[in-house]
Amino acid sequence: MREIAYSRTALKVLTRMPRNWAERIRDKIRLYADNPTALANNVKRLKDQDGLVRLRVGDWRVVMRDESVLQVLYVTSRGSTYRE
């Protein structure tokens, strides 16, 4: 299994959301770190973003940098994920 590093903003969102959703999201991230092909339908590479992938967990989106260490950058709701 690869190492998983959470950004400060991702940890902040995970601690403020309902516990059952936070556990579900962390489980999906661990599953992706173990076997990236296991969630083929729920993981997509982001266009024009080198090394960034999007993991879908219900109405939540997890944006990660897929390198030797899996970096979880953002955890956001579906509607606000791609706005900046």
PDB file of N, CA and C in Angstrom:
ATOM      1  N   MET A   1       0.829  -1.177   0.000  1.00  0.00           N
ATOM      2  CA  MET A   1       0.000   0.000   0.000  1.00  0.00           C
ATOM      3  C   MET A   1       0.881   1.251   0.000  1.00  0.00           C
ATOM      4  N   ARG A   2       0.473   2.216  -0.789  1.00  0.00           N
ATOM      5  CA  ARG A   2       1.205   3.478  -0.838  1.00  0.00           C
ATOM      6  C   ARG A   2       0.857   4.340   0.361  1.00  0.00           C
ATOM      7  N   GLU A   3       1.754   5.258   0.657  1.00  0.00           N
ATOM      8  CA  GLU A   3       1.517   6.212   1.732  1.00  0.00           C
ATOM      9  C   GLU A   3       0.489   7.237   1.272  1.00  0.00           C
ATOM     10  N   ILE A   4      -0.359   7.672   2.195  1.00  0.00           N
ATOM     11  CA  ILE A   4      -1.390   8.661   1.904  1.00  0.00           C
ATOM     12  C   ILE A   4      -1.109   9.903   2.738  1.00  0.00           C
ATOM     13  N   ALA A   5      -1.061  11.057   2.086  1.00  0.00           N
ATOM     14  CA  ALA A   5      -0.837  12.329   2.779  1.00  0.00           C
ATOM     15  C   ALA A   5      -2.050  13.224   2.537  1.00  0.00           C
ATOM     16  N   TYR A   6      -2.622  13.734   3.614  1.00  0.00           N
ATOM     17  CA  TYR A   6      -3.786  14.609   3.528  1.00  0.00           C
ATOM     18  C   TYR A   6      -3.348  16.060   3.673  1.00  0.00           C
ATOM     19  N   SER A   7      -3.904  16.939   2.848  1.00  0.00           N
ATOM     20  CA  SER A   7      -3.638  18.366   3.002  1.00  0.00           C
ATOM     21  C   SER A   7      -4.433  18.890   4.200  1.00  0.00           C
ATOM     22  N   ARG A   8      -4.070  20.055   4.660  1.00  0.00           N
ATOM     23  CA  ARG A   8      -4.753  20.648   5.802  1.00  0.00           C
ATOM     24  C   ARG A   8      -6.224  20.912   5.485  1.00  0.00           C
ATOM     25  N   THR A   9      -6.510  21.376   4.270  1.00  0.00           N
ATOM     26  CA  THR A   9      -7.902  21.665   3.909  1.00  0.00           C
ATOM     27  C   THR A   9      -8.732  20.386   3.820  1.00  0.00           C
ATOM     28  N   ALA A  10      -8.138  19.304   3.314  1.00  0.00           N
ATOM     29  CA  ALA A  10      -8.860  18.035   3.232  1.00  0.00           C
ATOM     30  C   ALA A  10      -9.179  17.503   4.626  1.00  0.00           C
ATOM     31  N   LEU A  11      -8.222  17.571   5.535  1.00  0.00           N
ATOM     32  CA  LEU A  11      -8.464  17.121   6.907  1.00  0.00           C
ATOM     33  C   LEU A  11      -9.535  17.961   7.596  1.00  0.00           C
ATOM     34  N   LYS A  12      -9.534  19.243   7.334  1.00  0.00           N
ATOM     35  CA  LYS A  12     -10.519  20.141   7.936  1.00  0.00           C
ATOM     36  C   LYS A  12     -11.932  19.759   7.503  1.00  0.00           C
ATOM     37  N   VAL A  13     -12.105  19.477   6.211  1.00  0.00           N
ATOM     38  CA  VAL A  13     -13.422  19.091   5.694  1.00  0.00           C
ATOM     39  C   VAL A  13     -13.830  17.730   6.262  1.00  0.00           C
ATOM     40  N   LEU A  14     -12.910  16.785   6.310  1.00  0.00           N
ATOM     41  CA  LEU A  14     -13.229  15.451   6.815  1.00  0.00           C
ATOM     42  C   LEU A  14     -13.627  15.472   8.287  1.00  0.00           C
ATOM     43  N   THR A  15     -13.044  16.345   9.072  1.00  0.00           N
ATOM     44  CA  THR A  15     -13.398  16.402  10.493  1.00  0.00           C
ATOM     45  C   THR A  15     -14.728  17.101  10.732  1.00  0.00           C
ATOM     46  N   ARG A  16     -15.158  17.947   9.804  1.00  0.00           N
ATOM     47  CA  ARG A  16     -16.414  18.689   9.979  1.00  0.00           C
ATOM     48  C   ARG A  16     -17.636  17.988   9.378  1.00  0.00           C
ATOM     49  N   MET A  17     -17.422  17.015   8.507  1.00  0.00           N
ATOM     50  CA  MET A  17     -18.554  16.333   7.889  1.00  0.00           C
ATOM     51  C   MET A  17     -19.054  15.216   8.807  1.00  0.00           C
ATOM     52  N   PRO A  18     -20.233  14.670   8.541  1.00  0.00           N
ATOM     53  CA  PRO A  18     -20.732  13.553   9.354  1.00  0.00           C
ATOM     54  C   PRO A  18     -19.735  12.387   9.359  1.00  0.00           C
ATOM     55  N   ARG A  19     -19.597  11.761  10.507  1.00  0.00           N
ATOM     56  CA  ARG A  19     -18.580  10.730  10.701  1.00  0.00           C
ATOM     57  C   ARG A  19     -18.722   9.562   9.719  1.00  0.00           C
ATOM     58  N   ASN A  20     -19.961   9.139   9.443  1.00  0.00           N
ATOM     59  CA  ASN A  20     -20.132   8.006   8.540  1.00  0.00           C
ATOM     60  C   ASN A  20     -19.632   8.324   7.126  1.00  0.00           C
ATOM     61  N   TRP A  21     -19.829   9.558   6.656  1.00  0.00           N
ATOM     62  CA  TRP A  21     -19.327   9.939   5.339  1.00  0.00           C
ATOM     63  C   TRP A  21     -17.810  10.060   5.335  1.00  0.00           C
ATOM     64  N   ALA A  22     -17.246  10.594   6.406  1.00  0.00           N
ATOM     65  CA  ALA A  22     -15.793  10.732   6.487  1.00  0.00           C
ATOM     66  C   ALA A  22     -15.127   9.358   6.469  1.00  0.00           C
ATOM     67  N   GLU A  23     -15.688   8.396   7.191  1.00  0.00           N
ATOM     68  CA  GLU A  23     -15.133   7.038   7.196  1.00  0.00           C
ATOM     69  C   GLU A  23     -15.258   6.391   5.821  1.00  0.00           C
ATOM     70  N   ARG A  24     -16.392   6.612   5.176  1.00  0.00           N
ATOM     71  CA  ARG A  24     -16.598   6.043   3.840  1.00  0.00           C
ATOM     72  C   ARG A  24     -15.590   6.615   2.836  1.00  0.00           C
ATOM     73  N   ILE A  25     -15.352   7.918   2.905  1.00  0.00           N
ATOM     74  CA  ILE A  25     -14.392   8.563   2.008  1.00  0.00           C
ATOM     75  C   ILE A  25     -12.975   8.056   2.282  1.00  0.00           C
ATOM     76  N   ARG A  26     -12.594   7.956   3.546  1.00  0.00           N
ATOM     77  CA  ARG A  26     -11.253   7.445   3.887  1.00  0.00           C
ATOM     78  C   ARG A  26     -11.079   6.001   3.428  1.00  0.00           C
ATOM     79  N   ASP A  27     -12.131   5.184   3.554  1.00  0.00           N
ATOM     80  CA  ASP A  27     -12.056   3.798   3.080  1.00  0.00           C
ATOM     81  C   ASP A  27     -11.828   3.738   1.572  1.00  0.00           C
ATOM     82  N   LYS A  28     -12.527   4.589   0.825  1.00  0.00           N
ATOM     83  CA  LYS A  28     -12.359   4.619  -0.635  1.00  0.00           C
ATOM     84  C   LYS A  28     -10.964   5.092  -1.027  1.00  0.00           C
ATOM     85  N   ILE A  29     -10.416   6.050  -0.282  1.00  0.00           N
ATOM     86  CA  ILE A  29      -9.057   6.528  -0.561  1.00  0.00           C
ATOM     87  C   ILE A  29      -8.050   5.409  -0.302  1.00  0.00           C
ATOM     88  N   ARG A  30      -8.226   4.681   0.821  1.00  0.00           N
ATOM     89  CA  ARG A  30      -7.331   3.549   1.120  1.00  0.00           C
ATOM     90  C   ARG A  30      -7.442   2.463   0.055  1.00  0.00           C
ATOM     91  N   LEU A  31      -8.656   2.191  -0.402  1.00  0.00           N
ATOM     92  CA  LEU A  31      -8.861   1.190  -1.449  1.00  0.00           C
ATOM     93  C   LEU A  31      -8.153   1.597  -2.733  1.00  0.00           C
ATOM     94  N   TYR A  32      -8.230   2.886  -3.076  1.00  0.00           N
ATOM     95  CA  TYR A  32      -7.540   3.384  -4.268  1.00  0.00           C
ATOM     96  C   TYR A  32      -6.022   3.288  -4.103  1.00  0.00           C
ATOM     97  N   ALA A  33      -5.517   3.578  -2.906  1.00  0.00           N
ATOM     98  CA  ALA A  33      -4.070   3.491  -2.666  1.00  0.00           C
ATOM     99  C   ALA A  33      -3.588   2.050  -2.787  1.00  0.00           C
ATOM    100  N   ASP A  34      -4.403   1.084  -2.342  1.00  0.00           N
ATOM    101  CA  ASP A  34      -4.041  -0.330  -2.446  1.00  0.00           C
ATOM    102  C   ASP A  34      -4.065  -0.821  -3.885  1.00  0.00           C
ATOM    103  N   ASN A  35      -5.133  -0.479  -4.614  1.00  0.00           N
ATOM    104  CA  ASN A  35      -5.324  -0.989  -5.963  1.00  0.00           C
ATOM    105  C   ASN A  35      -6.011   0.091  -6.802  1.00  0.00           C
ATOM    106  N   PRO A  36      -5.262   0.888  -7.557  1.00  0.00           N
ATOM    107  CA  PRO A  36      -5.855   1.980  -8.333  1.00  0.00           C
ATOM    108  C   PRO A  36      -6.873   1.538  -9.382  1.00  0.00           C
ATOM    109  N   THR A  37      -6.835   0.296  -9.827  1.00  0.00           N
ATOM    110  CA  THR A  37      -7.786  -0.152 -10.837  1.00  0.00           C
ATOM    111  C   THR A  37      -9.087  -0.662 -10.239  1.00  0.00           C
ATOM    112  N   ALA A  38      -9.183  -0.777  -8.927  1.00  0.00           N
ATOM    113  CA  ALA A  38     -10.384  -1.311  -8.290  1.00  0.00           C
ATOM    114  C   ALA A  38     -11.577  -0.381  -8.460  1.00  0.00           C
ATOM    115  N   LEU A  39     -11.371   0.898  -8.518  1.00  0.00           N
ATOM    116  CA  LEU A  39     -12.451   1.875  -8.647  1.00  0.00           C
ATOM    117  C   LEU A  39     -12.428   2.538 -10.020  1.00  0.00           C
ATOM    118  N   ALA A  40     -12.280   1.750 -11.049  1.00  0.00           N
ATOM    119  CA  ALA A  40     -12.098   2.294 -12.394  1.00  0.00           C
ATOM    120  C   ALA A  40     -13.248   3.209 -12.807  1.00  0.00           C
ATOM    121  N   ASN A  41     -14.466   2.924 -12.380  1.00  0.00           N
ATOM    122  CA  ASN A  41     -15.591   3.758 -12.780  1.00  0.00           C
ATOM    123  C   ASN A  41     -15.688   5.052 -11.980  1.00  0.00           C
ATOM    124  N   ASN A  42     -15.073   5.100 -10.829  1.00  0.00           N
ATOM    125  CA  ASN A  42     -15.207   6.261  -9.962  1.00  0.00           C
ATOM    126  C   ASN A  42     -13.979   7.154  -9.939  1.00  0.00           C
ATOM    127  N   VAL A  43     -12.938   6.819 -10.688  1.00  0.00           N
ATOM    128  CA  VAL A  43     -11.715   7.615 -10.706  1.00  0.00           C
ATOM    129  C   VAL A  43     -11.456   8.088 -12.133  1.00  0.00           C
ATOM    130  N   LYS A  44     -11.233   9.395 -12.263  1.00  0.00           N
ATOM    131  CA  LYS A  44     -10.921   9.946 -13.581  1.00  0.00           C
ATOM    132  C   LYS A  44      -9.753  10.902 -13.464  1.00  0.00           C
ATOM    133  N   ARG A  45      -8.925  10.932 -14.473  1.00  0.00           N
ATOM    134  CA  ARG A  45      -7.845  11.913 -14.551  1.00  0.00           C
ATOM    135  C   ARG A  45      -8.459  13.248 -14.955  1.00  0.00           C
ATOM    136  N   LEU A  46      -7.981  14.326 -14.351  1.00  0.00           N
ATOM    137  CA  LEU A  46      -8.496  15.654 -14.683  1.00  0.00           C
ATOM    138  C   LEU A  46      -7.741  16.210 -15.888  1.00  0.00           C
ATOM    139  N   LYS A  47      -8.477  16.793 -16.809  1.00  0.00           N
ATOM    140  CA  LYS A  47      -7.873  17.343 -18.017  1.00  0.00           C
ATOM    141  C   LYS A  47      -7.014  18.544 -17.677  1.00  0.00           C
ATOM    142  N   ASP A  48      -5.903  18.677 -18.378  1.00  0.00           N
ATOM    143  CA  ASP A  48      -4.966  19.797 -18.239  1.00  0.00           C
ATOM    144  C   ASP A  48      -4.403  19.949 -16.826  1.00  0.00           C
ATOM    145  N   GLN A  49      -4.433  18.891 -16.042  1.00  0.00           N
ATOM    146  CA  GLN A  49      -3.889  18.901 -14.684  1.00  0.00           C
ATOM    147  C   GLN A  49      -2.982  17.681 -14.556  1.00  0.00           C
ATOM    148  N   ASP A  50      -1.687  17.874 -14.617  1.00  0.00           N
ATOM    149  CA  ASP A  50      -0.751  16.754 -14.588  1.00  0.00           C
ATOM    150  C   ASP A  50      -0.800  16.026 -13.253  1.00  0.00           C
ATOM    151  N   GLY A  51      -1.118  14.750 -13.300  1.00  0.00           N
ATOM    152  CA  GLY A  51      -1.084  13.907 -12.116  1.00  0.00           C
ATOM    153  C   GLY A  51      -2.270  14.030 -11.185  1.00  0.00           C
ATOM    154  N   LEU A  52      -3.273  14.840 -11.513  1.00  0.00           N
ATOM    155  CA  LEU A  52      -4.434  14.975 -10.643  1.00  0.00           C
ATOM    156  C   LEU A  52      -5.535  14.019 -11.073  1.00  0.00           C
ATOM    157  N   VAL A  53      -6.150  13.379 -10.087  1.00  0.00           N
ATOM    158  CA  VAL A  53      -7.280  12.491 -10.338  1.00  0.00           C
ATOM    159  C   VAL A  53      -8.426  12.894  -9.436  1.00  0.00           C
ATOM    160  N   ARG A  54      -9.629  12.525  -9.871  1.00  0.00           N
ATOM    161  CA  ARG A  54     -10.840  12.812  -9.118  1.00  0.00           C
ATOM    162  C   ARG A  54     -11.474  11.486  -8.723  1.00  0.00           C
ATOM    163  N   LEU A  55     -11.750  11.318  -7.443  1.00  0.00           N
ATOM    164  CA  LEU A  55     -12.420  10.131  -6.916  1.00  0.00           C
ATOM    165  C   LEU A  55     -13.827  10.531  -6.506  1.00  0.00           C
ATOM    166  N   ARG A  56     -14.818   9.799  -6.988  1.00  0.00           N
ATOM    167  CA  ARG A  56     -16.214  10.106  -6.672  1.00  0.00           C
ATOM    168  C   ARG A  56     -16.694   9.172  -5.568  1.00  0.00           C
ATOM    169  N   VAL A  57     -17.232   9.755  -4.502  1.00  0.00           N
ATOM    170  CA  VAL A  57     -17.812   8.992  -3.395  1.00  0.00           C
ATOM    171  C   VAL A  57     -19.168   9.618  -3.097  1.00  0.00           C
ATOM    172  N   GLY A  58     -20.220   9.061  -3.650  1.00  0.00           N
ATOM    173  CA  GLY A  58     -21.553   9.644  -3.490  1.00  0.00           C
ATOM    174  C   GLY A  58     -21.593  11.030  -4.088  1.00  0.00           C
ATOM    175  N   ASP A  59     -22.026  12.009  -3.293  1.00  0.00           N
ATOM    176  CA  ASP A  59     -22.067  13.405  -3.753  1.00  0.00           C
ATOM    177  C   ASP A  59     -20.795  14.157  -3.416  1.00  0.00           C
ATOM    178  N   TRP A  60     -19.779  13.466  -2.959  1.00  0.00           N
ATOM    179  CA  TRP A  60     -18.504  14.085  -2.590  1.00  0.00           C
ATOM    180  C   TRP A  60     -17.451  13.773  -3.630  1.00  0.00           C
ATOM    181  N   ARG A  61     -16.529  14.710  -3.834  1.00  0.00           N
ATOM    182  CA  ARG A  61     -15.425  14.530  -4.764  1.00  0.00           C
ATOM    183  C   ARG A  61     -14.115  14.715  -4.011  1.00  0.00           C
ATOM    184  N   VAL A  62     -13.163  13.837  -4.301  1.00  0.00           N
ATOM    185  CA  VAL A  62     -11.848  13.896  -3.683  1.00  0.00           C
ATOM    186  C   VAL A  62     -10.842  14.130  -4.799  1.00  0.00           C
ATOM    187  N   VAL A  63     -10.116  15.229  -4.749  1.00  0.00           N
ATOM    188  CA  VAL A  63      -9.099  15.544  -5.756  1.00  0.00           C
ATOM    189  C   VAL A  63      -7.749  15.185  -5.150  1.00  0.00           C
ATOM    190  N   MET A  64      -7.007  14.320  -5.873  1.00  0.00           N
ATOM    191  CA  MET A  64      -5.742  13.800  -5.357  1.00  0.00           C
ATOM    192  C   MET A  64      -4.650  13.942  -6.403  1.00  0.00           C
ATOM    193  N   ARG A  65      -3.419  14.015  -5.940  1.00  0.00           N
ATOM    194  CA  ARG A  65      -2.253  13.973  -6.818  1.00  0.00           C
ATOM    195  C   ARG A  65      -1.702  12.566  -6.714  1.00  0.00           C
ATOM    196  N   ASP A  66      -1.697  11.860  -7.842  1.00  0.00           N
ATOM    197  CA  ASP A  66      -1.310  10.453  -7.876  1.00  0.00           C
ATOM    198  C   ASP A  66       0.166  10.320  -8.230  1.00  0.00           C
ATOM    199  N   GLU A  67       0.997  10.237  -7.213  1.00  0.00           N
ATOM    200  CA  GLU A  67       2.438  10.057  -7.386  1.00  0.00           C
ATOM    201  C   GLU A  67       2.872   8.905  -6.495  1.00  0.00           C
ATOM    202  N   SER A  68       4.151   8.837  -6.143  1.00  0.00           N
ATOM    203  CA  SER A  68       4.616   7.762  -5.265  1.00  0.00           C
ATOM    204  C   SER A  68       3.923   7.842  -3.907  1.00  0.00           C
ATOM    205  N   VAL A  69       3.650   9.063  -3.441  1.00  0.00           N
ATOM    206  CA  VAL A  69       2.821   9.280  -2.247  1.00  0.00           C
ATOM    207  C   VAL A  69       1.500   9.861  -2.732  1.00  0.00           C
ATOM    208  N   LEU A  70       0.403   9.241  -2.352  1.00  0.00           N
ATOM    209  CA  LEU A  70      -0.914   9.715  -2.761  1.00  0.00           C
ATOM    210  C   LEU A  70      -1.279  10.927  -1.911  1.00  0.00           C
ATOM    211  N   GLN A  71      -1.372  12.103  -2.546  1.00  0.00           N
ATOM    212  CA  GLN A  71      -1.651  13.348  -1.832  1.00  0.00           C
ATOM    213  C   GLN A  71      -3.121  13.721  -2.021  1.00  0.00           C
ATOM    214  N   VAL A  72      -3.872  13.725  -0.938  1.00  0.00           N
ATOM    215  CA  VAL A  72      -5.276  14.130  -0.974  1.00  0.00           C
ATOM    216  C   VAL A  72      -5.307  15.642  -0.808  1.00  0.00           C
ATOM    217  N   LEU A  73      -5.711  16.345  -1.865  1.00  0.00           N
ATOM    218  CA  LEU A  73      -5.670  17.803  -1.864  1.00  0.00           C
ATOM    219  C   LEU A  73      -6.966  18.433  -1.378  1.00  0.00           C
ATOM    220  N   TYR A  74      -8.099  17.987  -1.929  1.00  0.00           N
ATOM    221  CA  TYR A  74      -9.391  18.578  -1.604  1.00  0.00           C
ATOM    222  C   TYR A  74     -10.428  17.494  -1.406  1.00  0.00           C
ATOM    223  N   VAL A  75     -11.350  17.735  -0.509  1.00  0.00           N
ATOM    224  CA  VAL A  75     -12.567  16.940  -0.367  1.00  0.00           C
ATOM    225  C   VAL A  75     -13.693  17.954  -0.375  1.00  0.00           C
ATOM    226  N   THR A  76     -14.534  17.918  -1.428  1.00  0.00           N
ATOM    227  CA  THR A  76     -15.595  18.911  -1.554  1.00  0.00           C
ATOM    228  C   THR A  76     -16.883  18.256  -2.018  1.00  0.00           C
ATOM    229  N   SER A  77     -17.972  18.990  -1.868  1.00  0.00           N
ATOM    230  CA  SER A  77     -19.241  18.492  -2.371  1.00  0.00           C
ATOM    231  C   SER A  77     -19.245  18.590  -3.894  1.00  0.00           C
ATOM    232  N   ARG A  78     -20.131  17.871  -4.500  1.00  0.00           N
ATOM    233  CA  ARG A  78     -20.152  17.746  -5.954  1.00  0.00           C
ATOM    234  C   ARG A  78     -20.248  19.083  -6.668  1.00  0.00           C
ATOM    235  N   GLY A  79     -21.074  19.989  -6.206  1.00  0.00           N
ATOM    236  CA  GLY A  79     -21.313  21.238  -6.908  1.00  0.00           C
ATOM    237  C   GLY A  79     -20.164  22.231  -6.853  1.00  0.00           C
ATOM    238  N   SER A  80     -19.349  22.163  -5.812  1.00  0.00           N
ATOM    239  CA  SER A  80     -18.311  23.188  -5.655  1.00  0.00           C
ATOM    240  C   SER A  80     -16.908  22.681  -5.920  1.00  0.00           C
ATOM    241  N   THR A  81     -16.752  21.516  -6.475  1.00  0.00           N
ATOM    242  CA  THR A  81     -15.433  20.913  -6.637  1.00  0.00           C
ATOM    243  C   THR A  81     -14.539  21.682  -7.590  1.00  0.00           C
ATOM    244  N   TYR A  82     -15.047  22.050  -8.728  1.00  0.00           N
ATOM    245  CA  TYR A  82     -14.189  22.573  -9.787  1.00  0.00           C
ATOM    246  C   TYR A  82     -14.203  24.088  -9.896  1.00  0.00           C
ATOM    247  N   ARG A  83     -14.924  24.771  -9.020  1.00  0.00           N
ATOM    248  CA  ARG A  83     -14.949  26.241  -9.033  1.00  0.00           C
ATOM    249  C   ARG A  83     -13.714  26.783  -8.335  1.00  0.00           C
ATOM    250  N   GLU A  84     -13.187  27.841  -8.828  1.00  0.00           N
ATOM    251  CA  GLU A  84     -12.050  28.501  -8.172  1.00  0.00           C
ATOM    252  C   GLU A  84     -12.127  29.974  -8.329  1.00  0.00           C
TER     253      GLU A  84
END
